[in-house]
Amino acid sequence: MTEMTNPYAAPRAAVADVYEGDAGVQPVKLWSAKGRIGRARFLAYTMFSYIIFIVAATLLGFILGIAGLGRSEGLIVALTFLLAIPYFVFYVLTGIQRSHDMDWSGWMLFLALIPLVALIWVFKSGTKGSNRFGAPPPPNTTGVLIGAWLLPVIVGLGIVAAIALPAYQGYTMRAKAAQVERP
C-alpha cells in the first residue's frame, strides 16, 4: 500500500534555531545595533562607558600637561573630541538595542534628544519574551546590577554635594566673620 500524502498540507522541514543559548535568550552584542538589552544593562553599560571616557580624558589632560602641551587649547579640544567619538557611538548602539527591547525602531532614539523624554529608556520596561528584534536579553549579572545602581547613587551624591558644599562655605564665612567681630 502506498502512503498517501495530502498535496495541500504545509511542507515539513526541520528548522534549527538561530541561537541555541540559555532558555531562549540572545547573547549581548556590545558594538552592534542588532539585538536587545534591558534597562539595567543599558544603565550599567552607559555608566561604565562614561566613566571610561572621563578617565581617558583626565589621563589625556595629565599627559598633555606633562608634555608641556597643556596650554594648547585647540589640541586639547581636538583630542577630547576624538576620545568622545567612540563613547557617543557606543551610546547610540546601546540606545538602539534598548529601543529594540521596547519593540521600537532604533530611529526612536532621536526622541531622546528631547529633554526628559530620554527617561523613557530608563523607566519603560522591555517586551516580555521575543519580539520582532529577537529573543529577550539574558538575565542581569551582579556586575550589571551594581553598574545600574551606580548611576542613581552618583546622582544622589552629586545633589547632596551641590547642596552641602555651598552651605558649608557659607557657614565657614559666617564663622570667620563672627571671629573677626569679637575683640
N, C-alpha and C. Protein backbone atom coordinates (compact mmCIF):
# COMPACT_ATOMS: atom_id res chain seq x y z
N MET A 1 0.83 -1.16 0.00
CA MET A 1 0.00 0.00 0.00
C MET A 1 0.89 1.24 0.00
N THR A 2 0.62 2.14 -0.85
CA THR A 2 1.40 3.36 -0.93
C THR A 2 0.85 4.38 0.05
N GLU A 3 1.77 5.14 0.60
CA GLU A 3 1.38 6.16 1.58
C GLU A 3 0.85 7.38 0.84
N MET A 4 -0.32 7.78 1.20
CA MET A 4 -0.92 8.95 0.56
C MET A 4 -0.62 10.18 1.41
N THR A 5 -0.20 11.22 0.74
CA THR A 5 0.03 12.48 1.43
C THR A 5 -0.91 13.53 0.88
N ASN A 6 -1.24 14.42 1.71
CA ASN A 6 -2.13 15.50 1.32
C ASN A 6 -1.33 16.52 0.50
N PRO A 7 -1.69 16.77 -0.73
CA PRO A 7 -0.93 17.73 -1.55
C PRO A 7 -1.12 19.17 -1.06
N TYR A 8 -2.11 19.41 -0.21
CA TYR A 8 -2.38 20.76 0.27
C TYR A 8 -1.81 21.02 1.67
N ALA A 9 -1.15 20.05 2.24
CA ALA A 9 -0.58 20.20 3.58
C ALA A 9 0.66 21.10 3.51
N ALA A 10 0.94 21.76 4.63
CA ALA A 10 2.13 22.60 4.72
C ALA A 10 3.37 21.74 4.64
N PRO A 11 4.42 22.23 4.01
CA PRO A 11 5.64 21.43 3.94
C PRO A 11 6.24 21.27 5.33
N ARG A 12 6.90 20.16 5.52
CA ARG A 12 7.54 19.88 6.81
C ARG A 12 9.04 19.89 6.60
N ALA A 13 9.70 20.65 7.47
CA ALA A 13 11.15 20.72 7.41
C ALA A 13 11.68 20.98 8.81
N ALA A 14 12.84 20.43 9.10
CA ALA A 14 13.49 20.68 10.38
C ALA A 14 14.21 22.01 10.29
N VAL A 15 13.87 22.92 11.19
CA VAL A 15 14.48 24.25 11.19
C VAL A 15 15.23 24.42 12.51
N ALA A 16 16.51 24.74 12.41
CA ALA A 16 17.30 24.95 13.62
C ALA A 16 17.14 26.40 14.09
N ASP A 17 17.20 26.59 15.39
CA ASP A 17 17.15 27.94 15.94
C ASP A 17 18.42 28.68 15.56
N VAL A 18 18.29 29.99 15.46
CA VAL A 18 19.44 30.81 15.12
C VAL A 18 20.45 30.78 16.25
N TYR A 19 19.97 30.84 17.49
CA TYR A 19 20.85 30.81 18.65
C TYR A 19 20.29 29.80 19.63
N GLU A 20 21.09 28.86 19.99
CA GLU A 20 20.65 27.85 20.94
C GLU A 20 21.34 28.11 22.27
N GLY A 21 20.99 29.21 22.91
CA GLY A 21 21.62 29.60 24.18
C GLY A 21 20.76 29.20 25.35
N ASP A 22 20.95 29.90 26.45
CA ASP A 22 20.25 29.60 27.69
C ASP A 22 18.79 30.02 27.60
N ALA A 23 17.92 29.07 27.58
CA ALA A 23 16.47 29.27 27.69
C ALA A 23 15.92 30.32 26.73
N GLY A 24 16.42 30.35 25.52
CA GLY A 24 15.86 31.24 24.52
C GLY A 24 16.22 32.70 24.68
N VAL A 25 17.38 33.01 25.20
CA VAL A 25 17.84 34.39 25.27
C VAL A 25 18.93 34.59 24.24
N GLN A 26 19.11 35.82 23.83
CA GLN A 26 20.15 36.09 22.84
C GLN A 26 21.39 36.65 23.52
N PRO A 27 22.54 36.44 22.92
CA PRO A 27 23.77 36.96 23.54
C PRO A 27 23.82 38.49 23.43
N VAL A 28 24.57 39.09 24.33
CA VAL A 28 24.75 40.54 24.31
C VAL A 28 25.83 40.88 23.31
N LYS A 29 25.54 41.83 22.44
CA LYS A 29 26.49 42.29 21.44
C LYS A 29 26.81 43.74 21.75
N LEU A 30 28.03 44.01 22.20
CA LEU A 30 28.37 45.36 22.65
C LEU A 30 28.42 46.38 21.52
N TRP A 31 29.09 46.09 20.45
CA TRP A 31 29.29 47.07 19.39
C TRP A 31 28.42 46.73 18.19
N SER A 32 27.14 46.54 18.42
CA SER A 32 26.22 46.19 17.36
C SER A 32 24.90 46.92 17.57
N ALA A 33 24.21 47.21 16.48
CA ALA A 33 22.88 47.81 16.57
C ALA A 33 21.80 46.73 16.56
N LYS A 34 22.20 45.49 16.45
CA LYS A 34 21.23 44.39 16.44
C LYS A 34 21.14 43.80 17.84
N GLY A 35 19.97 43.30 18.17
CA GLY A 35 19.78 42.66 19.45
C GLY A 35 19.04 43.55 20.43
N ARG A 36 18.97 43.07 21.66
CA ARG A 36 18.22 43.75 22.71
C ARG A 36 19.03 43.77 24.00
N ILE A 37 18.89 44.86 24.76
CA ILE A 37 19.42 44.91 26.12
C ILE A 37 18.35 45.53 27.01
N GLY A 38 18.31 45.11 28.25
CA GLY A 38 17.32 45.60 29.20
C GLY A 38 17.74 46.91 29.85
N ARG A 39 16.87 47.40 30.73
CA ARG A 39 17.11 48.68 31.40
C ARG A 39 18.38 48.68 32.22
N ALA A 40 18.55 47.66 33.06
CA ALA A 40 19.71 47.64 33.95
C ALA A 40 21.01 47.57 33.16
N ARG A 41 21.03 46.74 32.14
CA ARG A 41 22.24 46.61 31.31
C ARG A 41 22.52 47.92 30.56
N PHE A 42 21.46 48.59 30.09
CA PHE A 42 21.62 49.88 29.41
C PHE A 42 22.23 50.90 30.36
N LEU A 43 21.71 51.00 31.58
CA LEU A 43 22.25 51.94 32.56
C LEU A 43 23.69 51.60 32.91
N ALA A 44 23.96 50.32 33.15
CA ALA A 44 25.31 49.91 33.54
C ALA A 44 26.31 50.17 32.42
N TYR A 45 25.97 49.79 31.20
CA TYR A 45 26.91 49.96 30.09
C TYR A 45 27.17 51.44 29.81
N THR A 46 26.14 52.25 29.82
CA THR A 46 26.36 53.67 29.56
C THR A 46 27.12 54.33 30.72
N MET A 47 26.86 53.88 31.95
CA MET A 47 27.58 54.44 33.10
C MET A 47 29.06 54.07 33.04
N PHE A 48 29.35 52.79 32.79
CA PHE A 48 30.75 52.36 32.72
C PHE A 48 31.47 53.00 31.53
N SER A 49 30.80 53.15 30.41
CA SER A 49 31.45 53.78 29.26
C SER A 49 31.72 55.26 29.54
N TYR A 50 30.82 55.92 30.27
CA TYR A 50 31.05 57.33 30.64
C TYR A 50 32.24 57.44 31.59
N ILE A 51 32.33 56.54 32.54
CA ILE A 51 33.47 56.56 33.48
C ILE A 51 34.77 56.34 32.72
N ILE A 52 34.77 55.40 31.76
CA ILE A 52 35.97 55.16 30.96
C ILE A 52 36.34 56.40 30.17
N PHE A 53 35.33 57.09 29.59
CA PHE A 53 35.59 58.31 28.83
C PHE A 53 36.19 59.39 29.72
N ILE A 54 35.65 59.58 30.92
CA ILE A 54 36.16 60.62 31.83
C ILE A 54 37.58 60.30 32.27
N VAL A 55 37.85 59.04 32.59
CA VAL A 55 39.21 58.65 33.00
C VAL A 55 40.18 58.86 31.84
N ALA A 56 39.79 58.48 30.62
CA ALA A 56 40.67 58.66 29.46
C ALA A 56 40.92 60.14 29.19
N ALA A 57 39.88 60.98 29.32
CA ALA A 57 40.06 62.42 29.10
C ALA A 57 40.96 63.02 30.18
N THR A 58 40.82 62.56 31.42
CA THR A 58 41.68 63.04 32.50
C THR A 58 43.12 62.64 32.26
N LEU A 59 43.33 61.38 31.87
CA LEU A 59 44.70 60.93 31.57
C LEU A 59 45.29 61.70 30.40
N LEU A 60 44.47 61.97 29.39
CA LEU A 60 44.94 62.75 28.25
C LEU A 60 45.38 64.14 28.70
N GLY A 61 44.58 64.78 29.54
CA GLY A 61 44.95 66.10 30.06
C GLY A 61 46.21 66.05 30.89
N PHE A 62 46.35 65.00 31.69
CA PHE A 62 47.56 64.84 32.51
C PHE A 62 48.79 64.65 31.63
N ILE A 63 48.68 63.81 30.61
CA ILE A 63 49.80 63.55 29.71
C ILE A 63 50.17 64.81 28.94
N LEU A 64 49.15 65.53 28.45
CA LEU A 64 49.44 66.78 27.74
C LEU A 64 50.07 67.81 28.66
N GLY A 65 49.67 67.82 29.93
CA GLY A 65 50.27 68.75 30.89
C GLY A 65 51.73 68.43 31.14
N ILE A 66 52.05 67.14 31.25
CA ILE A 66 53.44 66.73 31.46
C ILE A 66 54.28 67.04 30.23
N ALA A 67 53.69 66.84 29.05
CA ALA A 67 54.43 67.08 27.81
C ALA A 67 54.57 68.56 27.50
N GLY A 68 53.92 69.41 28.28
CA GLY A 68 54.03 70.84 28.05
C GLY A 68 53.06 71.35 27.00
N LEU A 69 52.11 70.53 26.60
CA LEU A 69 51.14 70.93 25.58
C LEU A 69 49.80 71.30 26.21
N GLY A 70 49.77 71.44 27.53
CA GLY A 70 48.53 71.72 28.24
C GLY A 70 47.95 73.09 27.96
N ARG A 71 48.73 73.98 27.39
CA ARG A 71 48.23 75.33 27.10
C ARG A 71 47.68 75.45 25.69
N SER A 72 47.83 74.42 24.91
CA SER A 72 47.33 74.43 23.54
C SER A 72 45.86 74.00 23.55
N GLU A 73 44.95 74.98 23.65
CA GLU A 73 43.53 74.68 23.78
C GLU A 73 42.96 73.95 22.57
N GLY A 74 43.40 74.31 21.38
CA GLY A 74 42.90 73.66 20.17
C GLY A 74 43.24 72.19 20.15
N LEU A 75 44.45 71.84 20.57
CA LEU A 75 44.87 70.44 20.62
C LEU A 75 44.05 69.66 21.65
N ILE A 76 43.83 70.26 22.81
CA ILE A 76 43.05 69.60 23.86
C ILE A 76 41.62 69.35 23.39
N VAL A 77 41.01 70.35 22.76
CA VAL A 77 39.64 70.19 22.28
C VAL A 77 39.57 69.12 21.19
N ALA A 78 40.53 69.12 20.27
CA ALA A 78 40.52 68.14 19.19
C ALA A 78 40.70 66.72 19.72
N LEU A 79 41.64 66.52 20.64
CA LEU A 79 41.87 65.18 21.18
C LEU A 79 40.71 64.70 22.05
N THR A 80 40.10 65.63 22.80
CA THR A 80 38.93 65.25 23.59
C THR A 80 37.76 64.88 22.69
N PHE A 81 37.60 65.60 21.59
CA PHE A 81 36.56 65.27 20.62
C PHE A 81 36.80 63.89 20.02
N LEU A 82 38.06 63.57 19.71
CA LEU A 82 38.39 62.25 19.18
C LEU A 82 38.10 61.15 20.21
N LEU A 83 38.34 61.45 21.49
CA LEU A 83 38.02 60.49 22.54
C LEU A 83 36.51 60.31 22.69
N ALA A 84 35.74 61.36 22.43
CA ALA A 84 34.30 61.32 22.61
C ALA A 84 33.59 60.53 21.51
N ILE A 85 34.20 60.42 20.35
CA ILE A 85 33.55 59.72 19.23
C ILE A 85 33.20 58.27 19.57
N PRO A 86 34.14 57.46 20.08
CA PRO A 86 33.75 56.08 20.42
C PRO A 86 32.70 56.03 21.53
N TYR A 87 32.76 56.97 22.47
CA TYR A 87 31.76 57.00 23.54
C TYR A 87 30.37 57.24 22.97
N PHE A 88 30.24 58.22 22.10
CA PHE A 88 28.92 58.52 21.52
C PHE A 88 28.43 57.39 20.60
N VAL A 89 29.34 56.77 19.85
CA VAL A 89 28.95 55.63 19.01
C VAL A 89 28.43 54.50 19.88
N PHE A 90 29.14 54.22 20.97
CA PHE A 90 28.71 53.15 21.88
C PHE A 90 27.36 53.50 22.51
N TYR A 91 27.17 54.76 22.90
CA TYR A 91 25.89 55.17 23.49
C TYR A 91 24.74 55.00 22.49
N VAL A 92 24.97 55.38 21.25
CA VAL A 92 23.92 55.23 20.23
C VAL A 92 23.61 53.76 19.99
N LEU A 93 24.63 52.91 19.91
CA LEU A 93 24.39 51.49 19.68
C LEU A 93 23.64 50.84 20.85
N THR A 94 23.99 51.19 22.08
CA THR A 94 23.26 50.63 23.22
C THR A 94 21.85 51.22 23.29
N GLY A 95 21.68 52.48 22.90
CA GLY A 95 20.34 53.07 22.86
C GLY A 95 19.45 52.40 21.83
N ILE A 96 20.03 52.04 20.70
CA ILE A 96 19.27 51.33 19.67
C ILE A 96 18.85 49.95 20.20
N GLN A 97 19.77 49.25 20.85
CA GLN A 97 19.41 47.95 21.41
C GLN A 97 18.36 48.08 22.49
N ARG A 98 18.42 49.14 23.28
CA ARG A 98 17.40 49.37 24.31
C ARG A 98 16.05 49.66 23.65
N SER A 99 16.06 50.41 22.55
CA SER A 99 14.82 50.65 21.80
C SER A 99 14.25 49.35 21.27
N HIS A 100 15.12 48.48 20.80
CA HIS A 100 14.67 47.17 20.31
C HIS A 100 14.03 46.36 21.43
N ASP A 101 14.53 46.50 22.65
CA ASP A 101 13.95 45.77 23.76
C ASP A 101 12.52 46.24 24.04
N MET A 102 12.24 47.51 23.75
CA MET A 102 10.88 48.03 23.94
C MET A 102 10.03 47.82 22.68
N ASP A 103 10.57 47.07 21.71
CA ASP A 103 9.91 46.79 20.42
C ASP A 103 9.70 48.06 19.60
N TRP A 104 10.66 48.97 19.71
CA TRP A 104 10.66 50.20 18.92
C TRP A 104 11.80 50.13 17.91
N SER A 105 11.66 50.90 16.86
CA SER A 105 12.74 51.03 15.89
C SER A 105 13.89 51.82 16.53
N GLY A 106 15.09 51.58 16.06
CA GLY A 106 16.25 52.32 16.55
C GLY A 106 16.16 53.81 16.27
N TRP A 107 15.37 54.18 15.25
CA TRP A 107 15.20 55.59 14.92
C TRP A 107 14.49 56.36 16.03
N MET A 108 13.79 55.66 16.90
CA MET A 108 13.11 56.32 18.01
C MET A 108 14.10 56.93 18.99
N LEU A 109 15.37 56.56 18.88
CA LEU A 109 16.39 57.12 19.77
C LEU A 109 16.51 58.63 19.59
N PHE A 110 16.09 59.14 18.44
CA PHE A 110 16.12 60.60 18.24
C PHE A 110 15.21 61.31 19.25
N LEU A 111 14.20 60.62 19.76
CA LEU A 111 13.33 61.22 20.78
C LEU A 111 14.09 61.51 22.06
N ALA A 112 15.19 60.79 22.29
CA ALA A 112 15.98 61.00 23.50
C ALA A 112 16.66 62.37 23.50
N LEU A 113 16.67 63.05 22.37
CA LEU A 113 17.25 64.39 22.32
C LEU A 113 16.33 65.43 22.96
N ILE A 114 15.07 65.08 23.15
CA ILE A 114 14.11 65.98 23.80
C ILE A 114 14.30 65.85 25.31
N PRO A 115 14.46 66.96 26.01
CA PRO A 115 14.68 66.89 27.46
C PRO A 115 13.57 66.10 28.16
N LEU A 116 13.95 65.29 29.10
CA LEU A 116 13.12 64.42 29.94
C LEU A 116 12.48 63.25 29.19
N VAL A 117 12.45 63.28 27.87
CA VAL A 117 11.89 62.15 27.12
C VAL A 117 12.85 60.96 27.19
N ALA A 118 14.15 61.24 27.33
CA ALA A 118 15.14 60.17 27.41
C ALA A 118 14.91 59.27 28.63
N LEU A 119 14.16 59.75 29.60
CA LEU A 119 13.87 58.93 30.78
C LEU A 119 13.00 57.72 30.43
N ILE A 120 12.36 57.75 29.26
CA ILE A 120 11.58 56.59 28.82
C ILE A 120 12.50 55.38 28.70
N TRP A 121 13.72 55.56 28.22
CA TRP A 121 14.65 54.46 28.04
C TRP A 121 15.07 53.88 29.39
N VAL A 122 14.91 54.65 30.46
CA VAL A 122 15.27 54.18 31.79
C VAL A 122 14.10 53.51 32.50
N PHE A 123 12.90 54.08 32.35
CA PHE A 123 11.77 53.62 33.16
C PHE A 123 10.82 52.66 32.45
N LYS A 124 10.79 52.65 31.13
CA LYS A 124 9.86 51.76 30.42
C LYS A 124 10.46 50.36 30.34
N SER A 125 9.68 49.38 30.70
CA SER A 125 10.19 48.01 30.66
C SER A 125 10.19 47.49 29.22
N GLY A 126 10.99 46.49 28.99
CA GLY A 126 11.05 45.87 27.68
C GLY A 126 9.89 44.91 27.48
N THR A 127 9.76 44.43 26.26
CA THR A 127 8.68 43.48 25.98
C THR A 127 9.04 42.13 26.57
N LYS A 128 8.03 41.44 27.05
CA LYS A 128 8.24 40.11 27.61
C LYS A 128 8.38 39.12 26.45
N GLY A 129 9.32 38.24 26.57
CA GLY A 129 9.52 37.23 25.54
C GLY A 129 10.13 37.82 24.28
N SER A 130 10.00 37.09 23.19
CA SER A 130 10.57 37.53 21.92
C SER A 130 9.73 38.61 21.29
N ASN A 131 10.37 39.47 20.55
CA ASN A 131 9.67 40.46 19.73
C ASN A 131 10.31 40.44 18.35
N ARG A 132 9.99 41.42 17.53
CA ARG A 132 10.49 41.40 16.14
C ARG A 132 11.99 41.60 16.03
N PHE A 133 12.64 41.96 17.16
CA PHE A 133 14.08 42.17 17.14
C PHE A 133 14.85 41.02 17.77
N GLY A 134 14.15 39.98 18.15
CA GLY A 134 14.83 38.79 18.63
C GLY A 134 14.35 38.32 19.98
N ALA A 135 15.09 37.36 20.50
CA ALA A 135 14.79 36.78 21.81
C ALA A 135 15.10 37.80 22.90
N PRO A 136 14.57 37.59 24.09
CA PRO A 136 14.85 38.53 25.18
C PRO A 136 16.32 38.54 25.56
N PRO A 137 16.77 39.63 26.17
CA PRO A 137 18.17 39.69 26.61
C PRO A 137 18.41 38.72 27.77
N PRO A 138 19.68 38.39 28.02
CA PRO A 138 19.97 37.46 29.12
C PRO A 138 19.69 38.11 30.47
N PRO A 139 19.55 37.31 31.51
CA PRO A 139 19.34 37.87 32.85
C PRO A 139 20.55 38.71 33.27
N ASN A 140 20.29 39.66 34.14
CA ASN A 140 21.34 40.57 34.59
C ASN A 140 22.28 39.87 35.57
N THR A 141 23.56 40.16 35.41
CA THR A 141 24.56 39.63 36.33
C THR A 141 24.72 40.60 37.50
N THR A 142 25.50 40.23 38.48
CA THR A 142 25.73 41.10 39.63
C THR A 142 26.45 42.38 39.21
N GLY A 143 27.40 42.27 38.30
CA GLY A 143 28.11 43.45 37.83
C GLY A 143 27.19 44.43 37.12
N VAL A 144 26.24 43.91 36.35
CA VAL A 144 25.28 44.77 35.66
C VAL A 144 24.40 45.49 36.68
N LEU A 145 23.95 44.78 37.70
CA LEU A 145 23.10 45.40 38.71
C LEU A 145 23.87 46.46 39.51
N ILE A 146 25.13 46.20 39.82
CA ILE A 146 25.95 47.19 40.52
C ILE A 146 26.11 48.43 39.64
N GLY A 147 26.40 48.22 38.37
CA GLY A 147 26.55 49.36 37.45
C GLY A 147 25.27 50.14 37.28
N ALA A 148 24.14 49.45 37.27
CA ALA A 148 22.86 50.14 37.12
C ALA A 148 22.54 50.98 38.36
N TRP A 149 22.85 50.47 39.54
CA TRP A 149 22.57 51.23 40.77
C TRP A 149 23.63 52.30 41.03
N LEU A 150 24.75 52.22 40.33
CA LEU A 150 25.80 53.22 40.49
C LEU A 150 25.33 54.58 39.99
N LEU A 151 24.54 54.61 38.94
CA LEU A 151 24.07 55.89 38.39
C LEU A 151 23.22 56.66 39.39
N PRO A 152 22.15 56.10 39.98
CA PRO A 152 21.38 56.89 40.94
C PRO A 152 22.18 57.26 42.19
N VAL A 153 23.12 56.40 42.59
CA VAL A 153 23.94 56.73 43.75
C VAL A 153 24.81 57.94 43.46
N ILE A 154 25.44 57.96 42.29
CA ILE A 154 26.30 59.09 41.93
C ILE A 154 25.47 60.36 41.78
N VAL A 155 24.30 60.26 41.16
CA VAL A 155 23.42 61.43 41.03
C VAL A 155 23.01 61.94 42.41
N GLY A 156 22.64 61.03 43.31
CA GLY A 156 22.26 61.43 44.66
C GLY A 156 23.40 62.10 45.40
N LEU A 157 24.60 61.54 45.30
CA LEU A 157 25.76 62.16 45.94
C LEU A 157 26.05 63.53 45.33
N GLY A 158 25.85 63.66 44.04
CA GLY A 158 26.06 64.96 43.40
C GLY A 158 25.08 66.00 43.89
N ILE A 159 23.83 65.60 44.07
CA ILE A 159 22.83 66.54 44.58
C ILE A 159 23.15 66.94 46.02
N VAL A 160 23.52 65.97 46.84
CA VAL A 160 23.88 66.27 48.23
C VAL A 160 25.10 67.20 48.27
N ALA A 161 26.09 66.92 47.42
CA ALA A 161 27.28 67.78 47.39
C ALA A 161 26.94 69.18 46.91
N ALA A 162 26.05 69.28 45.92
CA ALA A 162 25.67 70.60 45.41
C ALA A 162 24.94 71.43 46.46
N ILE A 163 24.27 70.77 47.38
CA ILE A 163 23.57 71.49 48.44
C ILE A 163 24.48 71.72 49.64
N ALA A 164 25.25 70.69 50.01
CA ALA A 164 26.04 70.76 51.24
C ALA A 164 27.27 71.65 51.11
N LEU A 165 27.96 71.62 50.00
CA LEU A 165 29.20 72.40 49.88
C LEU A 165 28.95 73.91 49.95
N PRO A 166 27.99 74.47 49.21
CA PRO A 166 27.75 75.90 49.37
C PRO A 166 27.26 76.25 50.79
N ALA A 167 26.47 75.38 51.40
CA ALA A 167 26.01 75.64 52.77
C ALA A 167 27.20 75.64 53.73
N TYR A 168 28.13 74.72 53.55
CA TYR A 168 29.31 74.66 54.40
C TYR A 168 30.20 75.88 54.19
N GLN A 169 30.35 76.31 52.94
CA GLN A 169 31.15 77.51 52.68
C GLN A 169 30.52 78.73 53.32
N GLY A 170 29.21 78.85 53.25
CA GLY A 170 28.53 79.97 53.90
C GLY A 170 28.70 79.92 55.40
N TYR A 171 28.66 78.72 55.97
CA TYR A 171 28.85 78.55 57.41
C TYR A 171 30.26 78.99 57.81
N THR A 172 31.28 78.56 57.07
CA THR A 172 32.66 78.93 57.43
C THR A 172 32.89 80.43 57.27
N MET A 173 32.27 81.04 56.26
CA MET A 173 32.42 82.50 56.10
C MET A 173 31.76 83.25 57.26
N ARG A 174 30.58 82.80 57.69
CA ARG A 174 29.92 83.44 58.83
C ARG A 174 30.71 83.22 60.11
N ALA A 175 31.32 82.04 60.26
CA ALA A 175 32.12 81.77 61.46
C ALA A 175 33.36 82.65 61.50
N LYS A 176 34.01 82.84 60.36
CA LYS A 176 35.19 83.72 60.31
C LYS A 176 34.79 85.17 60.57
N ALA A 177 33.66 85.58 60.03
CA ALA A 177 33.18 86.95 60.27
C ALA A 177 32.86 87.13 61.74
N ALA A 178 32.30 86.15 62.39
CA ALA A 178 31.97 86.25 63.81
C ALA A 178 33.24 86.32 64.65
N GLN A 179 34.29 85.61 64.24
CA GLN A 179 35.57 85.66 64.99
C GLN A 179 36.21 87.02 64.85
N VAL A 180 36.10 87.64 63.70
CA VAL A 180 36.70 88.95 63.48
C VAL A 180 35.97 90.00 64.31
N GLU A 181 34.67 89.89 64.48
CA GLU A 181 33.89 90.88 65.23
C GLU A 181 34.20 90.81 66.72
N ARG A 182 34.57 89.67 67.25
CA ARG A 182 34.89 89.57 68.67
C ARG A 182 36.24 90.22 68.97
N PRO A 183 36.31 90.94 70.09
CA PRO A 183 37.62 91.57 70.42
C PRO A 183 38.62 90.61 71.01
